[in-house]
Amino acid sequence: MEHPEIWYPVNQYGGIWLFAASLCLIVASIALRLVPGIALETYSLAVLAIWVIVFGIALFASICNLNSY
C-alpha cells in the first residue's frame, strides 16, 4: 500500500482473475447440479475440487503478476 503505482494495478489484475474464477465456479456448480442422479456428497466434493483449482490458478496468476513489479 506504500506504492499506489503498484498496489492498484496488481489488485485490478487479481480482481479480474478472481471474478473469472467465480464465474467458472458458478457455471460448474449449476452444470453439476443438472447431472441426473448425482449424490450430494459427490456434488459437494466436485464443487470443492473445482473451487480449489480455479482459485489456485487465480492466486498463482496474481502472485506472478505481483512478482513482475
PDB file of N, CA and C in Angstrom:
ATOM      1  N   MET A   1       0.817  -1.190   0.000  1.00  0.00           N
ATOM      2  CA  MET A   1       0.000   0.000   0.000  1.00  0.00           C
ATOM      3  C   MET A   1       0.859   1.252   0.000  1.00  0.00           C
ATOM      4  N   GLU A   2       2.122   1.095   0.224  1.00  0.00           N
ATOM      5  CA  GLU A   2       3.008   2.254   0.226  1.00  0.00           C
ATOM      6  C   GLU A   2       3.266   2.777  -1.181  1.00  0.00           C
ATOM      7  N   HIS A   3       3.009   1.945  -2.188  1.00  0.00           N
ATOM      8  CA  HIS A   3       3.271   2.330  -3.571  1.00  0.00           C
ATOM      9  C   HIS A   3       1.988   2.197  -4.384  1.00  0.00           C
ATOM     10  N   PRO A   4       1.190   3.256  -4.478  1.00  0.00           N
ATOM     11  CA  PRO A   4      -0.070   3.173  -5.221  1.00  0.00           C
ATOM     12  C   PRO A   4       0.115   2.799  -6.688  1.00  0.00           C
ATOM     13  N   GLU A   5       1.273   3.137  -7.263  1.00  0.00           N
ATOM     14  CA  GLU A   5       1.507   2.810  -8.669  1.00  0.00           C
ATOM     15  C   GLU A   5       1.651   1.302  -8.882  1.00  0.00           C
ATOM     16  N   ILE A   6       1.897   0.566  -7.819  1.00  0.00           N
ATOM     17  CA  ILE A   6       1.943  -0.896  -7.883  1.00  0.00           C
ATOM     18  C   ILE A   6       0.658  -1.499  -7.330  1.00  0.00           C
ATOM     19  N   TRP A   7       0.187  -0.957  -6.225  1.00  0.00           N
ATOM     20  CA  TRP A   7      -0.959  -1.506  -5.491  1.00  0.00           C
ATOM     21  C   TRP A   7      -2.204  -1.618  -6.364  1.00  0.00           C
ATOM     22  N   TYR A   8      -2.554  -0.549  -7.049  1.00  0.00           N
ATOM     23  CA  TYR A   8      -3.801  -0.551  -7.818  1.00  0.00           C
ATOM     24  C   TYR A   8      -3.766  -1.469  -9.035  1.00  0.00           C
ATOM     25  N   PRO A   9      -2.712  -1.456  -9.851  1.00  0.00           N
ATOM     26  CA  PRO A   9      -2.711  -2.388 -10.992  1.00  0.00           C
ATOM     27  C   PRO A   9      -2.680  -3.862 -10.570  1.00  0.00           C
ATOM     28  N   VAL A  10      -1.947  -4.167  -9.521  1.00  0.00           N
ATOM     29  CA  VAL A  10      -1.876  -5.554  -9.053  1.00  0.00           C
ATOM     30  C   VAL A  10      -3.236  -6.018  -8.544  1.00  0.00           C
ATOM     31  N   ASN A  11      -3.922  -5.176  -7.791  1.00  0.00           N
ATOM     32  CA  ASN A  11      -5.239  -5.539  -7.289  1.00  0.00           C
ATOM     33  C   ASN A  11      -6.280  -5.606  -8.392  1.00  0.00           C
ATOM     34  N   GLN A  12      -6.162  -4.758  -9.394  1.00  0.00           N
ATOM     35  CA  GLN A  12      -7.082  -4.826 -10.520  1.00  0.00           C
ATOM     36  C   GLN A  12      -6.889  -6.142 -11.277  1.00  0.00           C
ATOM     37  N   TYR A  13      -5.656  -6.513 -11.510  1.00  0.00           N
ATOM     38  CA  TYR A  13      -5.346  -7.766 -12.203  1.00  0.00           C
ATOM     39  C   TYR A  13      -5.867  -8.957 -11.403  1.00  0.00           C
ATOM     40  N   GLY A  14      -5.592  -8.970 -10.113  1.00  0.00           N
ATOM     41  CA  GLY A  14      -6.067 -10.047  -9.257  1.00  0.00           C
ATOM     42  C   GLY A  14      -7.580 -10.104  -9.191  1.00  0.00           C
ATOM     43  N   GLY A  15      -8.219  -8.943  -9.173  1.00  0.00           N
ATOM     44  CA  GLY A  15      -9.675  -8.894  -9.142  1.00  0.00           C
ATOM     45  C   GLY A  15     -10.307  -9.479 -10.391  1.00  0.00           C
ATOM     46  N   ILE A  16      -9.694  -9.233 -11.518  1.00  0.00           N
ATOM     47  CA  ILE A  16     -10.195  -9.804 -12.774  1.00  0.00           C
ATOM     48  C   ILE A  16     -10.089 -11.323 -12.735  1.00  0.00           C
ATOM     49  N   TRP A  17      -8.966 -11.834 -12.256  1.00  0.00           N
ATOM     50  CA  TRP A  17      -8.796 -13.284 -12.140  1.00  0.00           C
ATOM     51  C   TRP A  17      -9.790 -13.878 -11.157  1.00  0.00           C
ATOM     52  N   LEU A  18     -10.013 -13.215 -10.034  1.00  0.00           N
ATOM     53  CA  LEU A  18     -10.965 -13.740  -9.049  1.00  0.00           C
ATOM     54  C   LEU A  18     -12.393 -13.708  -9.585  1.00  0.00           C
ATOM     55  N   PHE A  19     -12.715 -12.681 -10.349  1.00  0.00           N
ATOM     56  CA  PHE A  19     -14.036 -12.607 -10.963  1.00  0.00           C
ATOM     57  C   PHE A  19     -14.228 -13.755 -11.958  1.00  0.00           C
ATOM     58  N   ALA A  20     -13.213 -14.007 -12.786  1.00  0.00           N
ATOM     59  CA  ALA A  20     -13.290 -15.104 -13.755  1.00  0.00           C
ATOM     60  C   ALA A  20     -13.398 -16.451 -13.036  1.00  0.00           C
ATOM     61  N   ALA A  21     -12.653 -16.613 -11.955  1.00  0.00           N
ATOM     62  CA  ALA A  21     -12.717 -17.857 -11.183  1.00  0.00           C
ATOM     63  C   ALA A  21     -14.103 -18.049 -10.578  1.00  0.00           C
ATOM     64  N   SER A  22     -14.688 -16.969 -10.102  1.00  0.00           N
ATOM     65  CA  SER A  22     -16.035 -17.038  -9.530  1.00  0.00           C
ATOM     66  C   SER A  22     -17.066 -17.429 -10.581  1.00  0.00           C
ATOM     67  N   LEU A  23     -16.940 -16.873 -11.768  1.00  0.00           N
ATOM     68  CA  LEU A  23     -17.858 -17.240 -12.848  1.00  0.00           C
ATOM     69  C   LEU A  23     -17.716 -18.714 -13.214  1.00  0.00           C
ATOM     70  N   CYS A  24     -16.481 -19.206 -13.264  1.00  0.00           N
ATOM     71  CA  CYS A  24     -16.256 -20.626 -13.551  1.00  0.00           C
ATOM     72  C   CYS A  24     -16.894 -21.499 -12.476  1.00  0.00           C
ATOM     73  N   LEU A  25     -16.766 -21.090 -11.230  1.00  0.00           N
ATOM     74  CA  LEU A  25     -17.347 -21.858 -10.138  1.00  0.00           C
ATOM     75  C   LEU A  25     -18.870 -21.870 -10.213  1.00  0.00           C
ATOM     76  N   ILE A  26     -19.468 -20.751 -10.543  1.00  0.00           N
ATOM     77  CA  ILE A  26     -20.923 -20.675 -10.673  1.00  0.00           C
ATOM     78  C   ILE A  26     -21.416 -21.584 -11.798  1.00  0.00           C
ATOM     79  N   VAL A  27     -20.763 -21.505 -12.943  1.00  0.00           N
ATOM     80  CA  VAL A  27     -21.161 -22.323 -14.090  1.00  0.00           C
ATOM     81  C   VAL A  27     -20.991 -23.806 -13.775  1.00  0.00           C
ATOM     82  N   ALA A  28     -19.868 -24.168 -13.171  1.00  0.00           N
ATOM     83  CA  ALA A  28     -19.628 -25.569 -12.838  1.00  0.00           C
ATOM     84  C   ALA A  28     -20.627 -26.070 -11.804  1.00  0.00           C
ATOM     85  N   SER A  29     -20.962 -25.245 -10.832  1.00  0.00           N
ATOM     86  CA  SER A  29     -21.924 -25.646  -9.800  1.00  0.00           C
ATOM     87  C   SER A  29     -23.298 -25.909 -10.397  1.00  0.00           C
ATOM     88  N   ILE A  30     -23.713 -25.039 -11.290  1.00  0.00           N
ATOM     89  CA  ILE A  30     -25.015 -25.227 -11.940  1.00  0.00           C
ATOM     90  C   ILE A  30     -24.987 -26.447 -12.845  1.00  0.00           C
ATOM     91  N   ALA A  31     -23.908 -26.605 -13.605  1.00  0.00           N
ATOM     92  CA  ALA A  31     -23.808 -27.741 -14.517  1.00  0.00           C
ATOM     93  C   ALA A  31     -23.786 -29.065 -13.755  1.00  0.00           C
ATOM     94  N   LEU A  32     -23.049 -29.104 -12.658  1.00  0.00           N
ATOM     95  CA  LEU A  32     -23.014 -30.334 -11.866  1.00  0.00           C
ATOM     96  C   LEU A  32     -24.363 -30.639 -11.226  1.00  0.00           C
ATOM     97  N   ARG A  33     -25.082 -29.613 -10.851  1.00  0.00           N
ATOM     98  CA  ARG A  33     -26.399 -29.823 -10.233  1.00  0.00           C
ATOM     99  C   ARG A  33     -27.384 -30.422 -11.225  1.00  0.00           C
ATOM    100  N   LEU A  34     -27.155 -30.184 -12.500  1.00  0.00           N
ATOM    101  CA  LEU A  34     -28.047 -30.700 -13.529  1.00  0.00           C
ATOM    102  C   LEU A  34     -27.740 -32.153 -13.903  1.00  0.00           C
ATOM    103  N   VAL A  35     -26.659 -32.706 -13.370  1.00  0.00           N
ATOM    104  CA  VAL A  35     -26.324 -34.111 -13.644  1.00  0.00           C
ATOM    105  C   VAL A  35     -27.349 -34.987 -12.932  1.00  0.00           C
ATOM    106  N   PRO A  36     -28.044 -35.827 -13.684  1.00  0.00           N
ATOM    107  CA  PRO A  36     -29.087 -36.643 -13.045  1.00  0.00           C
ATOM    108  C   PRO A  36     -28.487 -37.694 -12.104  1.00  0.00           C
ATOM    109  N   GLY A  37     -29.081 -37.801 -10.948  1.00  0.00           N
ATOM    110  CA  GLY A  37     -28.703 -38.833 -10.000  1.00  0.00           C
ATOM    111  C   GLY A  37     -27.416 -38.598  -9.233  1.00  0.00           C
ATOM    112  N   ILE A  38     -26.873 -37.395  -9.292  1.00  0.00           N
ATOM    113  CA  ILE A  38     -25.618 -37.131  -8.578  1.00  0.00           C
ATOM    114  C   ILE A  38     -25.907 -37.039  -7.077  1.00  0.00           C
ATOM    115  N   ALA A  39     -25.086 -37.720  -6.310  1.00  0.00           N
ATOM    116  CA  ALA A  39     -25.258 -37.719  -4.856  1.00  0.00           C
ATOM    117  C   ALA A  39     -24.756 -36.384  -4.285  1.00  0.00           C
ATOM    118  N   LEU A  40     -25.314 -35.991  -3.167  1.00  0.00           N
ATOM    119  CA  LEU A  40     -24.934 -34.736  -2.534  1.00  0.00           C
ATOM    120  C   LEU A  40     -23.447 -34.713  -2.187  1.00  0.00           C
ATOM    121  N   GLU A  41     -22.924 -35.825  -1.693  1.00  0.00           N
ATOM    122  CA  GLU A  41     -21.504 -35.892  -1.335  1.00  0.00           C
ATOM    123  C   GLU A  41     -20.610 -35.739  -2.563  1.00  0.00           C
ATOM    124  N   THR A  42     -20.998 -36.385  -3.648  1.00  0.00           N
ATOM    125  CA  THR A  42     -20.242 -36.280  -4.896  1.00  0.00           C
ATOM    126  C   THR A  42     -20.282 -34.858  -5.430  1.00  0.00           C
ATOM    127  N   TYR A  43     -21.455 -34.268  -5.414  1.00  0.00           N
ATOM    128  CA  TYR A  43     -21.612 -32.878  -5.865  1.00  0.00           C
ATOM    129  C   TYR A  43     -20.749 -31.948  -5.023  1.00  0.00           C
ATOM    130  N   SER A  44     -20.800 -32.109  -3.709  1.00  0.00           N
ATOM    131  CA  SER A  44     -20.045 -31.237  -2.808  1.00  0.00           C
ATOM    132  C   SER A  44     -18.547 -31.361  -3.030  1.00  0.00           C
ATOM    133  N   LEU A  45     -18.057 -32.580  -3.165  1.00  0.00           N
ATOM    134  CA  LEU A  45     -16.632 -32.787  -3.384  1.00  0.00           C
ATOM    135  C   LEU A  45     -16.183 -32.266  -4.751  1.00  0.00           C
ATOM    136  N   ALA A  46     -17.023 -32.422  -5.750  1.00  0.00           N
ATOM    137  CA  ALA A  46     -16.690 -31.913  -7.079  1.00  0.00           C
ATOM    138  C   ALA A  46     -16.618 -30.390  -7.087  1.00  0.00           C
ATOM    139  N   VAL A  47     -17.574 -29.751  -6.438  1.00  0.00           N
ATOM    140  CA  VAL A  47     -17.559 -28.282  -6.364  1.00  0.00           C
ATOM    141  C   VAL A  47     -16.339 -27.809  -5.570  1.00  0.00           C
ATOM    142  N   LEU A  48     -16.012 -28.492  -4.489  1.00  0.00           N
ATOM    143  CA  LEU A  48     -14.826 -28.141  -3.708  1.00  0.00           C
ATOM    144  C   LEU A  48     -13.563 -28.282  -4.547  1.00  0.00           C
ATOM    145  N   ALA A  49     -13.452 -29.360  -5.301  1.00  0.00           N
ATOM    146  CA  ALA A  49     -12.275 -29.569  -6.148  1.00  0.00           C
ATOM    147  C   ALA A  49     -12.160 -28.476  -7.206  1.00  0.00           C
ATOM    148  N   ILE A  50     -13.279 -28.121  -7.809  1.00  0.00           N
ATOM    149  CA  ILE A  50     -13.265 -27.055  -8.810  1.00  0.00           C
ATOM    150  C   ILE A  50     -12.868 -25.735  -8.169  1.00  0.00           C
ATOM    151  N   TRP A  51     -13.381 -25.469  -6.966  1.00  0.00           N
ATOM    152  CA  TRP A  51     -13.031 -24.238  -6.251  1.00  0.00           C
ATOM    153  C   TRP A  51     -11.534 -24.168  -5.992  1.00  0.00           C
ATOM    154  N   VAL A  52     -10.964 -25.252  -5.516  1.00  0.00           N
ATOM    155  CA  VAL A  52      -9.528 -25.272  -5.221  1.00  0.00           C
ATOM    156  C   VAL A  52      -8.722 -25.022  -6.494  1.00  0.00           C
ATOM    157  N   ILE A  53      -9.123 -25.632  -7.588  1.00  0.00           N
ATOM    158  CA  ILE A  53      -8.387 -25.482  -8.842  1.00  0.00           C
ATOM    159  C   ILE A  53      -8.480 -24.064  -9.393  1.00  0.00           C
ATOM    160  N   VAL A  54      -9.699 -23.538  -9.538  1.00  0.00           N
ATOM    161  CA  VAL A  54      -9.839 -22.222 -10.184  1.00  0.00           C
ATOM    162  C   VAL A  54      -9.288 -21.094  -9.310  1.00  0.00           C
ATOM    163  N   PHE A  55      -9.486 -21.170  -8.009  1.00  0.00           N
ATOM    164  CA  PHE A  55      -8.941 -20.121  -7.165  1.00  0.00           C
ATOM    165  C   PHE A  55      -7.438 -20.277  -6.979  1.00  0.00           C
ATOM    166  N   GLY A  56      -6.933 -21.504  -7.071  1.00  0.00           N
ATOM    167  CA  GLY A  56      -5.492 -21.710  -7.063  1.00  0.00           C
ATOM    168  C   GLY A  56      -4.840 -21.094  -8.286  1.00  0.00           C
ATOM    169  N   ILE A  57      -5.467 -21.261  -9.438  1.00  0.00           N
ATOM    170  CA  ILE A  57      -4.961 -20.648 -10.666  1.00  0.00           C
ATOM    171  C   ILE A  57      -4.994 -19.124 -10.556  1.00  0.00           C
ATOM    172  N   ALA A  58      -6.089 -18.585 -10.032  1.00  0.00           N
ATOM    173  CA  ALA A  58      -6.206 -17.132  -9.872  1.00  0.00           C
ATOM    174  C   ALA A  58      -5.138 -16.600  -8.917  1.00  0.00           C
ATOM    175  N   LEU A  59      -4.913 -17.305  -7.822  1.00  0.00           N
ATOM    176  CA  LEU A  59      -3.900 -16.885  -6.856  1.00  0.00           C
ATOM    177  C   LEU A  59      -2.509 -16.946  -7.476  1.00  0.00           C
ATOM    178  N   PHE A  60      -2.220 -18.019  -8.191  1.00  0.00           N
ATOM    179  CA  PHE A  60      -0.923 -18.164  -8.842  1.00  0.00           C
ATOM    180  C   PHE A  60      -0.692 -17.040  -9.854  1.00  0.00           C
ATOM    181  N   ALA A  61      -1.692 -16.744 -10.670  1.00  0.00           N
ATOM    182  CA  ALA A  61      -1.562 -15.681 -11.666  1.00  0.00           C
ATOM    183  C   ALA A  61      -1.361 -14.324 -10.997  1.00  0.00           C
ATOM    184  N   SER A  62      -2.059 -14.091  -9.897  1.00  0.00           N
ATOM    185  CA  SER A  62      -1.921 -12.818  -9.181  1.00  0.00           C
ATOM    186  C   SER A  62      -0.538 -12.674  -8.571  1.00  0.00           C
ATOM    187  N   ILE A  63      -0.019 -13.748  -8.012  1.00  0.00           N
ATOM    188  CA  ILE A  63       1.322 -13.703  -7.415  1.00  0.00           C
ATOM    189  C   ILE A  63       2.380 -13.500  -8.491  1.00  0.00           C
ATOM    190  N   CYS A  64       2.223 -14.178  -9.624  1.00  0.00           N
ATOM    191  CA  CYS A  64       3.174 -13.976 -10.730  1.00  0.00           C
ATOM    192  C   CYS A  64       3.147 -12.542 -11.213  1.00  0.00           C
ATOM    193  N   ASN A  65       1.963 -11.955 -11.271  1.00  0.00           N
ATOM    194  CA  ASN A  65       1.851 -10.560 -11.694  1.00  0.00           C
ATOM    195  C   ASN A  65       2.518  -9.648 -10.671  1.00  0.00           C
ATOM    196  N   LEU A  66       2.319  -9.910  -9.400  1.00  0.00           N
ATOM    197  CA  LEU A  66       2.939  -9.107  -8.357  1.00  0.00           C
ATOM    198  C   LEU A  66       4.451  -9.187  -8.434  1.00  0.00           C
ATOM    199  N   ASN A  67       4.978 -10.367  -8.699  1.00  0.00           N
ATOM    200  CA  ASN A  67       6.424 -10.542  -8.783  1.00  0.00           C
ATOM    201  C   ASN A  67       7.032  -9.859 -10.006  1.00  0.00           C
ATOM    202  N   SER A  68       6.213  -9.508 -10.978  1.00  0.00           N
ATOM    203  CA  SER A  68       6.744  -8.825 -12.167  1.00  0.00           C
ATOM    204  C   SER A  68       7.026  -7.350 -11.909  1.00  0.00           C
ATOM    205  N   TYR A  69       6.547  -6.844 -10.756  1.00  0.00           N
ATOM    206  CA  TYR A  69       6.799  -5.431 -10.437  1.00  0.00           C
ATOM    207  C   TYR A  69       8.051  -5.294  -9.672  1.00  0.00           C
TER     208      TYR A  69
END
